[in-house]
Amino acid sequence: MKRGLFALAGLVIAAPLALAADSLSLVQAHLAAVDTMTADFTQTGRDGRTVSGVLTLKKPGRIRFQYEKGVPILVVGDGKSLWFLDYQVGQKQRWPIDDAPLGVLLDPSKDATRYAKIVPGADPGLVQVEAADPKHPDYGRITLVFQRQPGTPGGLQLQGWTALDAQSNRTVVRLSNQRFNQPVSDATFRFNEPRAAAPRR
């Protein structure tokens, strides 16, 4: 009787583990099948303020967050670095692509099983993946949300993500009107240098 209970417990434990492994392989298949993506986005920061814009992604390593008119900020990945450009104050910051939580979307050569895990959820139609580098907690972590959807690359569609930086500041991004594997010009990922405002006299 005890042996039967132990066997049953093993099946109960193994089932979710197998499901998690299967879901992560689906995510890897999806990421491998996406060469470009464009989408509308809304972004909510730690202060509760929400802004919108257009996201354009092209592998490897290129991404652009074009914010709505009136927001003097641009985020661009040019294949090697991720740039944060503030045109209001004339400043820019740079991070290596691999140091950014979004590296999971931008580097198709990464093995997701080494730095990502499935996060259980109540909705079987969603797959949630948390990615982080345990050796570099200062890089932050990101939880990507995919929806199971036939006809999309790998049968999944990225719905958005939640990013936490090293100070636990939370940014939530939601996507809509996703379009996959359409031509995207490399010129999309160029940008004008921000200039410092001239001193007042």
N, C-alpha and C. Protein backbone atom coordinates (compact mmCIF):
# COMPACT_ATOMS: atom_id res chain seq x y z
N MET A 1 0.83 -1.20 0.00
CA MET A 1 0.00 0.00 0.00
C MET A 1 0.87 1.25 0.00
N LYS A 2 1.90 1.28 0.89
CA LYS A 2 2.79 2.43 0.94
C LYS A 2 3.49 2.62 -0.39
N ARG A 3 3.93 1.49 -1.01
CA ARG A 3 4.64 1.60 -2.27
C ARG A 3 3.74 2.24 -3.33
N GLY A 4 2.45 1.87 -3.30
CA GLY A 4 1.51 2.45 -4.25
C GLY A 4 1.34 3.94 -4.03
N LEU A 5 1.31 4.36 -2.76
CA LEU A 5 1.17 5.79 -2.47
C LEU A 5 2.41 6.56 -2.92
N PHE A 6 3.60 5.97 -2.68
CA PHE A 6 4.82 6.64 -3.12
C PHE A 6 4.84 6.78 -4.64
N ALA A 7 4.40 5.75 -5.35
CA ALA A 7 4.37 5.79 -6.80
C ALA A 7 3.41 6.87 -7.29
N LEU A 8 2.24 6.95 -6.61
CA LEU A 8 1.26 7.97 -6.99
C LEU A 8 1.83 9.36 -6.74
N ALA A 9 2.50 9.55 -5.60
CA ALA A 9 3.10 10.84 -5.30
C ALA A 9 4.14 11.20 -6.35
N GLY A 10 4.90 10.19 -6.80
CA GLY A 10 5.89 10.45 -7.83
C GLY A 10 5.24 10.92 -9.12
N LEU A 11 4.10 10.33 -9.47
CA LEU A 11 3.40 10.74 -10.67
C LEU A 11 2.87 12.16 -10.53
N VAL A 12 2.35 12.49 -9.36
CA VAL A 12 1.80 13.83 -9.13
C VAL A 12 2.89 14.88 -9.25
N ILE A 13 4.08 14.57 -8.73
CA ILE A 13 5.19 15.51 -8.80
C ILE A 13 5.75 15.59 -10.22
N ALA A 14 5.86 14.44 -10.88
CA ALA A 14 6.48 14.41 -12.21
C ALA A 14 5.63 15.11 -13.25
N ALA A 15 4.32 15.05 -13.10
CA ALA A 15 3.43 15.64 -14.12
C ALA A 15 3.67 17.13 -14.30
N PRO A 16 3.64 17.94 -13.20
CA PRO A 16 3.90 19.36 -13.41
C PRO A 16 5.30 19.66 -13.90
N LEU A 17 6.28 18.84 -13.49
CA LEU A 17 7.64 19.05 -13.97
C LEU A 17 7.72 18.82 -15.47
N ALA A 18 7.04 17.77 -15.94
CA ALA A 18 7.04 17.50 -17.37
C ALA A 18 6.33 18.60 -18.12
N LEU A 19 5.22 19.10 -17.55
CA LEU A 19 4.49 20.18 -18.19
C LEU A 19 5.34 21.43 -18.27
N ALA A 20 6.08 21.72 -17.19
CA ALA A 20 6.94 22.90 -17.18
C ALA A 20 8.02 22.79 -18.24
N ALA A 21 8.64 21.61 -18.34
CA ALA A 21 9.68 21.41 -19.35
C ALA A 21 9.11 21.57 -20.75
N ASP A 22 7.91 21.03 -20.95
CA ASP A 22 7.27 21.14 -22.26
C ASP A 22 6.97 22.59 -22.58
N SER A 23 6.47 23.36 -21.61
CA SER A 23 6.14 24.76 -21.84
C SER A 23 7.39 25.57 -22.16
N LEU A 24 8.49 25.28 -21.46
CA LEU A 24 9.72 26.01 -21.72
C LEU A 24 10.26 25.68 -23.11
N SER A 25 10.09 24.44 -23.55
CA SER A 25 10.52 24.10 -24.91
C SER A 25 9.66 24.82 -25.94
N LEU A 26 8.37 25.02 -25.64
CA LEU A 26 7.51 25.79 -26.53
C LEU A 26 7.99 27.23 -26.63
N VAL A 27 8.36 27.81 -25.49
CA VAL A 27 8.87 29.18 -25.48
C VAL A 27 10.14 29.28 -26.31
N GLN A 28 11.04 28.32 -26.14
CA GLN A 28 12.28 28.33 -26.92
C GLN A 28 11.98 28.22 -28.41
N ALA A 29 11.01 27.37 -28.77
CA ALA A 29 10.63 27.22 -30.18
C ALA A 29 10.05 28.53 -30.72
N HIS A 30 9.24 29.19 -29.90
CA HIS A 30 8.66 30.48 -30.31
C HIS A 30 9.76 31.52 -30.54
N LEU A 31 10.68 31.65 -29.58
CA LEU A 31 11.73 32.65 -29.70
C LEU A 31 12.62 32.37 -30.91
N ALA A 32 12.86 31.09 -31.19
CA ALA A 32 13.69 30.75 -32.33
C ALA A 32 12.98 31.06 -33.66
N ALA A 33 11.64 31.04 -33.64
CA ALA A 33 10.87 31.24 -34.87
C ALA A 33 10.59 32.70 -35.16
N VAL A 34 10.85 33.59 -34.21
CA VAL A 34 10.58 35.02 -34.39
C VAL A 34 11.86 35.74 -34.78
N ASP A 35 11.88 36.25 -36.01
CA ASP A 35 13.00 37.07 -36.46
C ASP A 35 12.73 38.55 -36.24
N THR A 36 11.48 38.97 -36.47
CA THR A 36 11.08 40.35 -36.23
C THR A 36 9.71 40.37 -35.58
N MET A 37 9.44 41.44 -34.84
CA MET A 37 8.12 41.64 -34.26
C MET A 37 7.88 43.13 -34.10
N THR A 38 6.68 43.55 -34.42
CA THR A 38 6.25 44.91 -34.09
C THR A 38 4.96 44.81 -33.30
N ALA A 39 4.73 45.76 -32.42
CA ALA A 39 3.54 45.74 -31.58
C ALA A 39 3.32 47.11 -30.98
N ASP A 40 2.09 47.40 -30.65
CA ASP A 40 1.80 48.57 -29.83
C ASP A 40 2.02 48.18 -28.37
N PHE A 41 2.46 49.13 -27.55
CA PHE A 41 2.69 48.80 -26.15
C PHE A 41 2.18 49.91 -25.23
N THR A 42 1.86 49.49 -24.02
CA THR A 42 1.65 50.43 -22.92
C THR A 42 2.61 50.03 -21.81
N GLN A 43 3.19 51.04 -21.18
CA GLN A 43 4.19 50.81 -20.13
C GLN A 43 3.79 51.56 -18.88
N THR A 44 3.74 50.83 -17.77
CA THR A 44 3.40 51.41 -16.48
C THR A 44 4.59 51.29 -15.55
N GLY A 45 5.06 52.41 -15.04
CA GLY A 45 6.23 52.42 -14.18
C GLY A 45 5.86 52.35 -12.72
N ARG A 46 6.88 52.46 -11.88
CA ARG A 46 6.67 52.33 -10.43
C ARG A 46 5.80 53.44 -9.86
N ASP A 47 5.76 54.60 -10.56
CA ASP A 47 4.94 55.72 -10.08
C ASP A 47 3.49 55.62 -10.53
N GLY A 48 3.16 54.55 -11.27
CA GLY A 48 1.79 54.36 -11.73
C GLY A 48 1.48 55.06 -13.03
N ARG A 49 2.42 55.84 -13.55
CA ARG A 49 2.18 56.55 -14.80
C ARG A 49 2.27 55.58 -15.97
N THR A 50 1.34 55.71 -16.92
CA THR A 50 1.31 54.85 -18.09
C THR A 50 1.55 55.66 -19.35
N VAL A 51 2.46 55.18 -20.18
CA VAL A 51 2.73 55.79 -21.48
C VAL A 51 2.59 54.70 -22.53
N SER A 52 2.45 55.10 -23.78
CA SER A 52 2.27 54.13 -24.86
C SER A 52 3.24 54.41 -25.99
N GLY A 53 3.27 53.50 -26.95
CA GLY A 53 4.15 53.68 -28.08
C GLY A 53 4.16 52.45 -28.96
N VAL A 54 5.21 52.35 -29.78
CA VAL A 54 5.35 51.25 -30.73
C VAL A 54 6.68 50.54 -30.46
N LEU A 55 6.61 49.23 -30.37
CA LEU A 55 7.79 48.38 -30.16
C LEU A 55 8.17 47.73 -31.49
N THR A 56 9.46 47.78 -31.82
CA THR A 56 9.97 47.08 -32.99
C THR A 56 11.17 46.25 -32.57
N LEU A 57 11.18 44.98 -32.95
CA LEU A 57 12.24 44.05 -32.57
C LEU A 57 12.78 43.37 -33.82
N LYS A 58 14.09 43.23 -33.88
CA LYS A 58 14.72 42.49 -34.97
C LYS A 58 15.96 41.79 -34.43
N LYS A 59 16.00 40.50 -34.58
CA LYS A 59 17.14 39.74 -34.08
C LYS A 59 18.29 39.76 -35.09
N PRO A 60 19.52 39.69 -34.55
CA PRO A 60 19.85 39.61 -33.12
C PRO A 60 20.10 40.99 -32.51
N GLY A 61 19.57 41.21 -31.33
CA GLY A 61 19.98 42.33 -30.50
C GLY A 61 19.40 43.69 -30.79
N ARG A 62 18.42 43.80 -31.68
CA ARG A 62 17.91 45.11 -32.02
C ARG A 62 16.46 45.27 -31.57
N ILE A 63 16.21 46.39 -30.91
CA ILE A 63 14.88 46.68 -30.40
C ILE A 63 14.72 48.19 -30.29
N ARG A 64 13.49 48.65 -30.45
CA ARG A 64 13.23 50.10 -30.35
C ARG A 64 11.88 50.30 -29.68
N PHE A 65 11.89 51.12 -28.63
CA PHE A 65 10.67 51.58 -27.98
C PHE A 65 10.47 53.04 -28.39
N GLN A 66 9.57 53.25 -29.34
CA GLN A 66 9.25 54.60 -29.79
C GLN A 66 8.04 55.08 -29.00
N TYR A 67 8.27 55.99 -28.06
CA TYR A 67 7.19 56.45 -27.19
C TYR A 67 6.30 57.46 -27.89
N GLU A 68 5.13 57.64 -27.33
CA GLU A 68 4.14 58.56 -27.87
C GLU A 68 4.69 59.99 -27.91
N LYS A 69 4.07 60.79 -28.75
CA LYS A 69 4.48 62.18 -28.89
C LYS A 69 4.37 62.89 -27.54
N GLY A 70 5.39 63.66 -27.22
CA GLY A 70 5.41 64.37 -25.95
C GLY A 70 6.25 63.70 -24.89
N VAL A 71 6.66 62.43 -25.13
CA VAL A 71 7.55 61.73 -24.20
C VAL A 71 8.96 61.80 -24.78
N PRO A 72 9.87 62.57 -24.17
CA PRO A 72 11.19 62.84 -24.76
C PRO A 72 12.21 61.74 -24.51
N ILE A 73 11.76 60.49 -24.55
CA ILE A 73 12.62 59.36 -24.22
C ILE A 73 12.59 58.36 -25.37
N LEU A 74 13.71 57.73 -25.61
CA LEU A 74 13.82 56.68 -26.62
C LEU A 74 14.70 55.57 -26.06
N VAL A 75 14.30 54.31 -26.26
CA VAL A 75 15.10 53.16 -25.88
C VAL A 75 15.39 52.37 -27.14
N VAL A 76 16.68 52.16 -27.42
CA VAL A 76 17.09 51.48 -28.65
C VAL A 76 18.19 50.47 -28.36
N GLY A 77 18.03 49.26 -28.88
CA GLY A 77 19.10 48.28 -28.90
C GLY A 77 19.64 48.20 -30.31
N ASP A 78 20.95 48.43 -30.50
CA ASP A 78 21.52 48.50 -31.84
C ASP A 78 22.25 47.23 -32.25
N GLY A 79 22.06 46.16 -31.51
CA GLY A 79 22.73 44.90 -31.81
C GLY A 79 23.84 44.56 -30.84
N LYS A 80 24.43 45.58 -30.22
CA LYS A 80 25.49 45.37 -29.25
C LYS A 80 25.14 45.95 -27.89
N SER A 81 24.48 47.11 -27.90
CA SER A 81 24.19 47.82 -26.66
C SER A 81 22.73 48.23 -26.63
N LEU A 82 22.23 48.40 -25.42
CA LEU A 82 20.90 48.95 -25.20
C LEU A 82 21.08 50.37 -24.71
N TRP A 83 20.48 51.33 -25.42
CA TRP A 83 20.65 52.75 -25.12
C TRP A 83 19.37 53.33 -24.56
N PHE A 84 19.51 54.10 -23.50
CA PHE A 84 18.40 54.88 -22.94
C PHE A 84 18.72 56.34 -23.21
N LEU A 85 17.89 56.99 -24.02
CA LEU A 85 18.16 58.36 -24.47
C LEU A 85 17.10 59.29 -23.93
N ASP A 86 17.55 60.32 -23.23
CA ASP A 86 16.65 61.32 -22.68
C ASP A 86 16.93 62.64 -23.39
N TYR A 87 16.03 63.02 -24.29
CA TYR A 87 16.25 64.22 -25.09
C TYR A 87 15.90 65.49 -24.33
N GLN A 88 15.20 65.34 -23.22
CA GLN A 88 14.85 66.53 -22.44
C GLN A 88 16.07 67.10 -21.72
N VAL A 89 16.88 66.20 -21.18
CA VAL A 89 18.06 66.66 -20.44
C VAL A 89 19.35 66.46 -21.23
N GLY A 90 19.23 65.83 -22.43
CA GLY A 90 20.41 65.66 -23.28
C GLY A 90 21.39 64.62 -22.76
N GLN A 91 20.87 63.50 -22.26
CA GLN A 91 21.74 62.47 -21.71
C GLN A 91 21.40 61.10 -22.31
N LYS A 92 22.38 60.19 -22.24
CA LYS A 92 22.13 58.82 -22.66
C LYS A 92 22.90 57.87 -21.75
N GLN A 93 22.34 56.68 -21.60
CA GLN A 93 22.97 55.62 -20.82
C GLN A 93 23.07 54.38 -21.68
N ARG A 94 24.08 53.56 -21.40
CA ARG A 94 24.33 52.37 -22.21
C ARG A 94 24.48 51.14 -21.32
N TRP A 95 23.89 50.02 -21.79
CA TRP A 95 24.08 48.72 -21.15
C TRP A 95 24.40 47.70 -22.24
N PRO A 96 25.31 46.76 -21.97
CA PRO A 96 25.47 45.63 -22.90
C PRO A 96 24.15 44.87 -23.00
N ILE A 97 23.84 44.40 -24.18
CA ILE A 97 22.58 43.68 -24.40
C ILE A 97 22.42 42.54 -23.40
N ASP A 98 23.49 41.79 -23.14
CA ASP A 98 23.38 40.64 -22.25
C ASP A 98 23.07 41.03 -20.82
N ASP A 99 23.35 42.28 -20.45
CA ASP A 99 23.09 42.73 -19.09
C ASP A 99 21.64 43.17 -18.89
N ALA A 100 20.89 43.30 -19.96
CA ALA A 100 19.52 43.78 -19.87
C ALA A 100 18.56 42.60 -19.74
N PRO A 101 17.52 42.73 -18.91
CA PRO A 101 16.55 41.64 -18.81
C PRO A 101 15.95 41.25 -20.15
N LEU A 102 15.81 42.19 -21.07
CA LEU A 102 15.23 41.88 -22.37
C LEU A 102 16.15 41.06 -23.25
N GLY A 103 17.35 40.76 -22.78
CA GLY A 103 18.26 39.92 -23.55
C GLY A 103 17.66 38.59 -23.92
N VAL A 104 16.72 38.10 -23.13
CA VAL A 104 16.06 36.83 -23.42
C VAL A 104 15.31 36.88 -24.75
N LEU A 105 14.81 38.05 -25.13
CA LEU A 105 14.11 38.21 -26.39
C LEU A 105 15.04 38.49 -27.56
N LEU A 106 16.22 39.03 -27.27
CA LEU A 106 17.07 39.58 -28.31
C LEU A 106 18.19 38.66 -28.76
N ASP A 107 18.51 37.65 -27.96
CA ASP A 107 19.64 36.78 -28.28
C ASP A 107 19.13 35.36 -28.54
N PRO A 108 18.97 34.97 -29.80
CA PRO A 108 18.42 33.64 -30.10
C PRO A 108 19.36 32.50 -29.76
N SER A 109 20.62 32.79 -29.45
CA SER A 109 21.58 31.73 -29.15
C SER A 109 21.53 31.29 -27.69
N LYS A 110 20.82 32.03 -26.85
CA LYS A 110 20.78 31.68 -25.43
C LYS A 110 19.96 30.41 -25.20
N ASP A 111 20.43 29.61 -24.28
CA ASP A 111 19.70 28.41 -23.86
C ASP A 111 18.82 28.79 -22.67
N ALA A 112 17.52 28.88 -22.91
CA ALA A 112 16.60 29.36 -21.88
C ALA A 112 16.58 28.48 -20.65
N THR A 113 16.91 27.20 -20.79
CA THR A 113 16.86 26.29 -19.65
C THR A 113 17.91 26.64 -18.60
N ARG A 114 18.92 27.44 -18.96
CA ARG A 114 20.00 27.76 -18.03
C ARG A 114 19.67 28.97 -17.15
N TYR A 115 18.71 29.80 -17.57
CA TYR A 115 18.44 31.01 -16.80
C TYR A 115 16.96 31.32 -16.66
N ALA A 116 16.09 30.45 -17.16
CA ALA A 116 14.65 30.72 -17.12
C ALA A 116 13.89 29.55 -16.52
N LYS A 117 12.73 29.84 -15.98
CA LYS A 117 11.88 28.80 -15.42
C LYS A 117 10.41 29.19 -15.66
N ILE A 118 9.58 28.16 -15.71
CA ILE A 118 8.14 28.38 -15.86
C ILE A 118 7.56 28.78 -14.51
N VAL A 119 6.71 29.81 -14.52
CA VAL A 119 6.01 30.24 -13.31
C VAL A 119 4.59 29.70 -13.38
N PRO A 120 4.18 28.86 -12.44
CA PRO A 120 2.83 28.29 -12.50
C PRO A 120 1.77 29.38 -12.45
N GLY A 121 0.70 29.16 -13.18
CA GLY A 121 -0.41 30.12 -13.19
C GLY A 121 -1.74 29.39 -13.27
N ALA A 122 -2.81 30.12 -12.97
CA ALA A 122 -4.14 29.51 -12.95
C ALA A 122 -4.74 29.35 -14.34
N ASP A 123 -4.27 30.14 -15.31
CA ASP A 123 -4.84 30.12 -16.66
C ASP A 123 -4.01 29.20 -17.55
N PRO A 124 -4.58 28.05 -17.99
CA PRO A 124 -3.81 27.13 -18.83
C PRO A 124 -3.51 27.69 -20.21
N GLY A 125 -4.18 28.76 -20.59
CA GLY A 125 -3.92 29.38 -21.88
C GLY A 125 -2.72 30.30 -21.89
N LEU A 126 -2.13 30.53 -20.72
CA LEU A 126 -0.97 31.41 -20.61
C LEU A 126 0.26 30.62 -20.17
N VAL A 127 1.41 31.04 -20.66
CA VAL A 127 2.69 30.49 -20.23
C VAL A 127 3.52 31.65 -19.71
N GLN A 128 3.93 31.56 -18.44
CA GLN A 128 4.73 32.62 -17.82
C GLN A 128 6.14 32.11 -17.56
N VAL A 129 7.11 32.90 -18.00
CA VAL A 129 8.51 32.51 -17.88
C VAL A 129 9.26 33.59 -17.14
N GLU A 130 9.94 33.21 -16.07
CA GLU A 130 10.78 34.15 -15.33
C GLU A 130 12.22 33.91 -15.70
N ALA A 131 12.90 34.97 -16.11
CA ALA A 131 14.30 34.87 -16.51
C ALA A 131 15.16 35.80 -15.65
N ALA A 132 16.28 35.27 -15.19
CA ALA A 132 17.22 36.05 -14.38
C ALA A 132 18.56 35.34 -14.40
N ASP A 133 19.63 36.09 -14.18
CA ASP A 133 20.97 35.52 -14.08
C ASP A 133 21.32 35.43 -12.60
N PRO A 134 21.35 34.22 -12.02
CA PRO A 134 21.62 34.10 -10.59
C PRO A 134 23.00 34.61 -10.19
N LYS A 135 23.92 34.68 -11.14
CA LYS A 135 25.27 35.18 -10.84
C LYS A 135 25.32 36.71 -10.87
N HIS A 136 24.28 37.33 -11.45
CA HIS A 136 24.28 38.79 -11.58
C HIS A 136 22.90 39.33 -11.21
N PRO A 137 22.56 39.34 -9.93
CA PRO A 137 21.25 39.87 -9.54
C PRO A 137 21.07 41.34 -9.88
N ASP A 138 22.19 42.05 -10.10
CA ASP A 138 22.10 43.47 -10.47
C ASP A 138 21.52 43.67 -11.86
N TYR A 139 21.45 42.60 -12.65
CA TYR A 139 20.84 42.71 -13.97
C TYR A 139 19.32 42.79 -13.88
N GLY A 140 18.76 42.43 -12.73
CA GLY A 140 17.31 42.40 -12.59
C GLY A 140 16.72 41.09 -13.12
N ARG A 141 15.40 41.03 -13.14
CA ARG A 141 14.74 39.85 -13.68
C ARG A 141 13.47 40.27 -14.41
N ILE A 142 13.02 39.39 -15.28
CA ILE A 142 11.87 39.69 -16.11
C ILE A 142 10.95 38.48 -16.16
N THR A 143 9.66 38.72 -16.09
CA THR A 143 8.67 37.66 -16.23
C THR A 143 7.87 37.92 -17.50
N LEU A 144 8.05 37.04 -18.48
CA LEU A 144 7.38 37.16 -19.77
C LEU A 144 6.08 36.38 -19.76
N VAL A 145 5.05 36.93 -20.36
CA VAL A 145 3.75 36.27 -20.42
C VAL A 145 3.41 35.99 -21.88
N PHE A 146 3.22 34.71 -22.20
CA PHE A 146 2.84 34.28 -23.53
C PHE A 146 1.44 33.69 -23.51
N GLN A 147 0.71 33.90 -24.59
CA GLN A 147 -0.60 33.29 -24.75
C GLN A 147 -0.51 32.19 -25.79
N ARG A 148 -1.09 31.03 -25.47
CA ARG A 148 -1.15 29.95 -26.45
C ARG A 148 -2.11 30.37 -27.57
N GLN A 149 -1.61 30.39 -28.79
CA GLN A 149 -2.44 30.85 -29.90
C GLN A 149 -2.00 30.17 -31.19
N PRO A 150 -2.85 29.31 -31.74
CA PRO A 150 -2.50 28.65 -33.00
C PRO A 150 -2.27 29.67 -34.12
N GLY A 151 -1.35 29.33 -35.00
CA GLY A 151 -1.07 30.19 -36.14
C GLY A 151 0.02 31.22 -35.89
N THR A 152 0.49 31.32 -34.66
CA THR A 152 1.60 32.22 -34.34
C THR A 152 2.89 31.41 -34.27
N PRO A 153 4.06 32.04 -34.35
CA PRO A 153 5.32 31.30 -34.30
C PRO A 153 5.43 30.44 -33.03
N GLY A 154 5.60 29.15 -33.22
CA GLY A 154 5.70 28.25 -32.09
C GLY A 154 4.40 28.08 -31.32
N GLY A 155 3.30 28.61 -31.84
CA GLY A 155 2.02 28.49 -31.16
C GLY A 155 1.85 29.38 -29.96
N LEU A 156 2.73 30.41 -29.84
CA LEU A 156 2.66 31.34 -28.72
C LEU A 156 2.68 32.77 -29.22
N GLN A 157 2.13 33.67 -28.42
CA GLN A 157 2.19 35.09 -28.72
C GLN A 157 2.55 35.85 -27.45
N LEU A 158 3.60 36.65 -27.52
CA LEU A 158 4.03 37.42 -26.36
C LEU A 158 3.00 38.50 -26.05
N GLN A 159 2.51 38.49 -24.81
CA GLN A 159 1.50 39.45 -24.37
C GLN A 159 2.09 40.63 -23.61
N GLY A 160 3.31 40.43 -23.09
CA GLY A 160 3.94 41.50 -22.33
C GLY A 160 4.87 40.93 -21.28
N TRP A 161 5.31 41.78 -20.36
CA TRP A 161 6.25 41.33 -19.33
C TRP A 161 6.23 42.29 -18.15
N THR A 162 6.78 41.79 -17.05
CA THR A 162 7.03 42.60 -15.86
C THR A 162 8.53 42.52 -15.57
N ALA A 163 9.17 43.67 -15.48
CA ALA A 163 10.61 43.72 -15.21
C ALA A 163 10.85 44.33 -13.84
N LEU A 164 11.76 43.73 -13.08
CA LEU A 164 12.19 44.25 -11.79
C LEU A 164 13.68 44.52 -11.86
N ASP A 165 14.10 45.74 -11.49
CA ASP A 165 15.52 46.01 -11.47
C ASP A 165 16.10 45.62 -10.11
N ALA A 166 17.38 45.89 -9.92
CA ALA A 166 18.05 45.46 -8.68
C ALA A 166 17.48 46.14 -7.45
N GLN A 167 16.81 47.28 -7.62
CA GLN A 167 16.19 48.00 -6.50
C GLN A 167 14.71 47.65 -6.36
N SER A 168 14.27 46.60 -7.08
CA SER A 168 12.88 46.13 -7.05
C SER A 168 11.89 47.14 -7.60
N ASN A 169 12.37 48.04 -8.47
CA ASN A 169 11.46 48.93 -9.18
C ASN A 169 10.78 48.14 -10.29
N ARG A 170 9.46 48.22 -10.34
CA ARG A 170 8.67 47.39 -11.25
C ARG A 170 8.20 48.20 -12.46
N THR A 171 8.38 47.60 -13.65
CA THR A 171 7.85 48.16 -14.89
C THR A 171 7.03 47.08 -15.58
N VAL A 172 5.79 47.42 -15.94
CA VAL A 172 4.89 46.47 -16.58
C VAL A 172 4.63 46.93 -18.01
N VAL A 173 4.84 46.04 -18.97
CA VAL A 173 4.62 46.34 -20.38
C VAL A 173 3.57 45.37 -20.91
N ARG A 174 2.56 45.92 -21.59
CA ARG A 174 1.52 45.10 -22.22
C ARG A 174 1.52 45.39 -23.72
N LEU A 175 1.41 44.32 -24.51
CA LEU A 175 1.47 44.43 -25.96
C LEU A 175 0.11 44.17 -26.60
N SER A 176 -0.07 44.76 -27.77
CA SER A 176 -1.26 44.50 -28.58
C SER A 176 -0.89 44.67 -30.04
N ASN A 177 -1.75 44.15 -30.92
CA ASN A 177 -1.53 44.27 -32.36
C ASN A 177 -0.16 43.73 -32.78
N GLN A 178 0.19 42.56 -32.24
CA GLN A 178 1.48 41.96 -32.55
C GLN A 178 1.53 41.49 -34.00
N ARG A 179 2.67 41.73 -34.65
CA ARG A 179 2.89 41.28 -36.03
C ARG A 179 4.29 40.67 -36.10
N PHE A 180 4.36 39.48 -36.68
CA PHE A 180 5.61 38.72 -36.65
C PHE A 180 6.21 38.58 -38.05
N ASN A 181 7.55 38.61 -38.06
CA ASN A 181 8.35 38.23 -39.23
C ASN A 181 7.99 39.02 -40.50
N GLN A 182 7.70 40.30 -40.31
CA GLN A 182 7.55 41.21 -41.43
C GLN A 182 8.86 41.97 -41.63
N PRO A 183 9.13 42.46 -42.85
CA PRO A 183 10.41 43.16 -43.09
C PRO A 183 10.55 44.38 -42.19
N VAL A 184 11.72 44.53 -41.60
CA VAL A 184 12.05 45.68 -40.76
C VAL A 184 13.43 46.19 -41.17
N SER A 185 13.51 47.46 -41.50
CA SER A 185 14.77 48.05 -41.94
C SER A 185 15.73 48.21 -40.76
N ASP A 186 17.02 48.01 -41.03
CA ASP A 186 18.03 48.23 -40.00
C ASP A 186 18.08 49.70 -39.57
N ALA A 187 17.64 50.58 -40.45
CA ALA A 187 17.65 52.01 -40.12
C ALA A 187 16.71 52.33 -38.97
N THR A 188 15.77 51.43 -38.69
CA THR A 188 14.83 51.64 -37.58
C THR A 188 15.57 51.80 -36.25
N PHE A 189 16.76 51.24 -36.15
CA PHE A 189 17.46 51.18 -34.88
C PHE A 189 18.59 52.20 -34.78
N ARG A 190 18.56 53.18 -35.66
CA ARG A 190 19.45 54.32 -35.54
C ARG A 190 18.77 55.40 -34.72
N PHE A 191 19.56 56.31 -34.19
CA PHE A 191 18.96 57.37 -33.37
C PHE A 191 19.82 58.62 -33.42
N ASN A 192 19.19 59.74 -33.15
CA ASN A 192 19.89 61.01 -33.05
C ASN A 192 20.47 61.16 -31.65
N GLU A 193 21.66 61.70 -31.59
CA GLU A 193 22.31 61.91 -30.30
C GLU A 193 21.56 63.01 -29.52
N PRO A 194 21.26 62.75 -28.24
CA PRO A 194 20.65 63.81 -27.44
C PRO A 194 21.65 64.90 -27.16
N ARG A 195 21.18 66.12 -27.17
CA ARG A 195 22.06 67.26 -26.94
C ARG A 195 21.67 67.96 -25.64
N ALA A 196 22.69 68.31 -24.88
CA ALA A 196 22.42 69.03 -23.63
C ALA A 196 21.85 70.41 -23.94
N ALA A 197 20.91 70.83 -23.12
CA ALA A 197 20.29 72.14 -23.33
C ALA A 197 21.34 73.24 -23.13
N ALA A 198 21.25 74.27 -23.95
CA ALA A 198 22.18 75.39 -23.82
C ALA A 198 21.93 76.12 -22.50
N PRO A 199 22.99 76.52 -21.81
CA PRO A 199 22.81 77.21 -20.52
C PRO A 199 22.07 78.54 -20.70
N ARG A 200 21.21 78.84 -19.76
CA ARG A 200 20.47 80.10 -19.81
C ARG A 200 21.36 81.27 -19.41
N ARG A 201 21.14 82.40 -20.06
CA ARG A 201 21.93 83.59 -19.73
C ARG A 201 21.13 84.52 -18.83
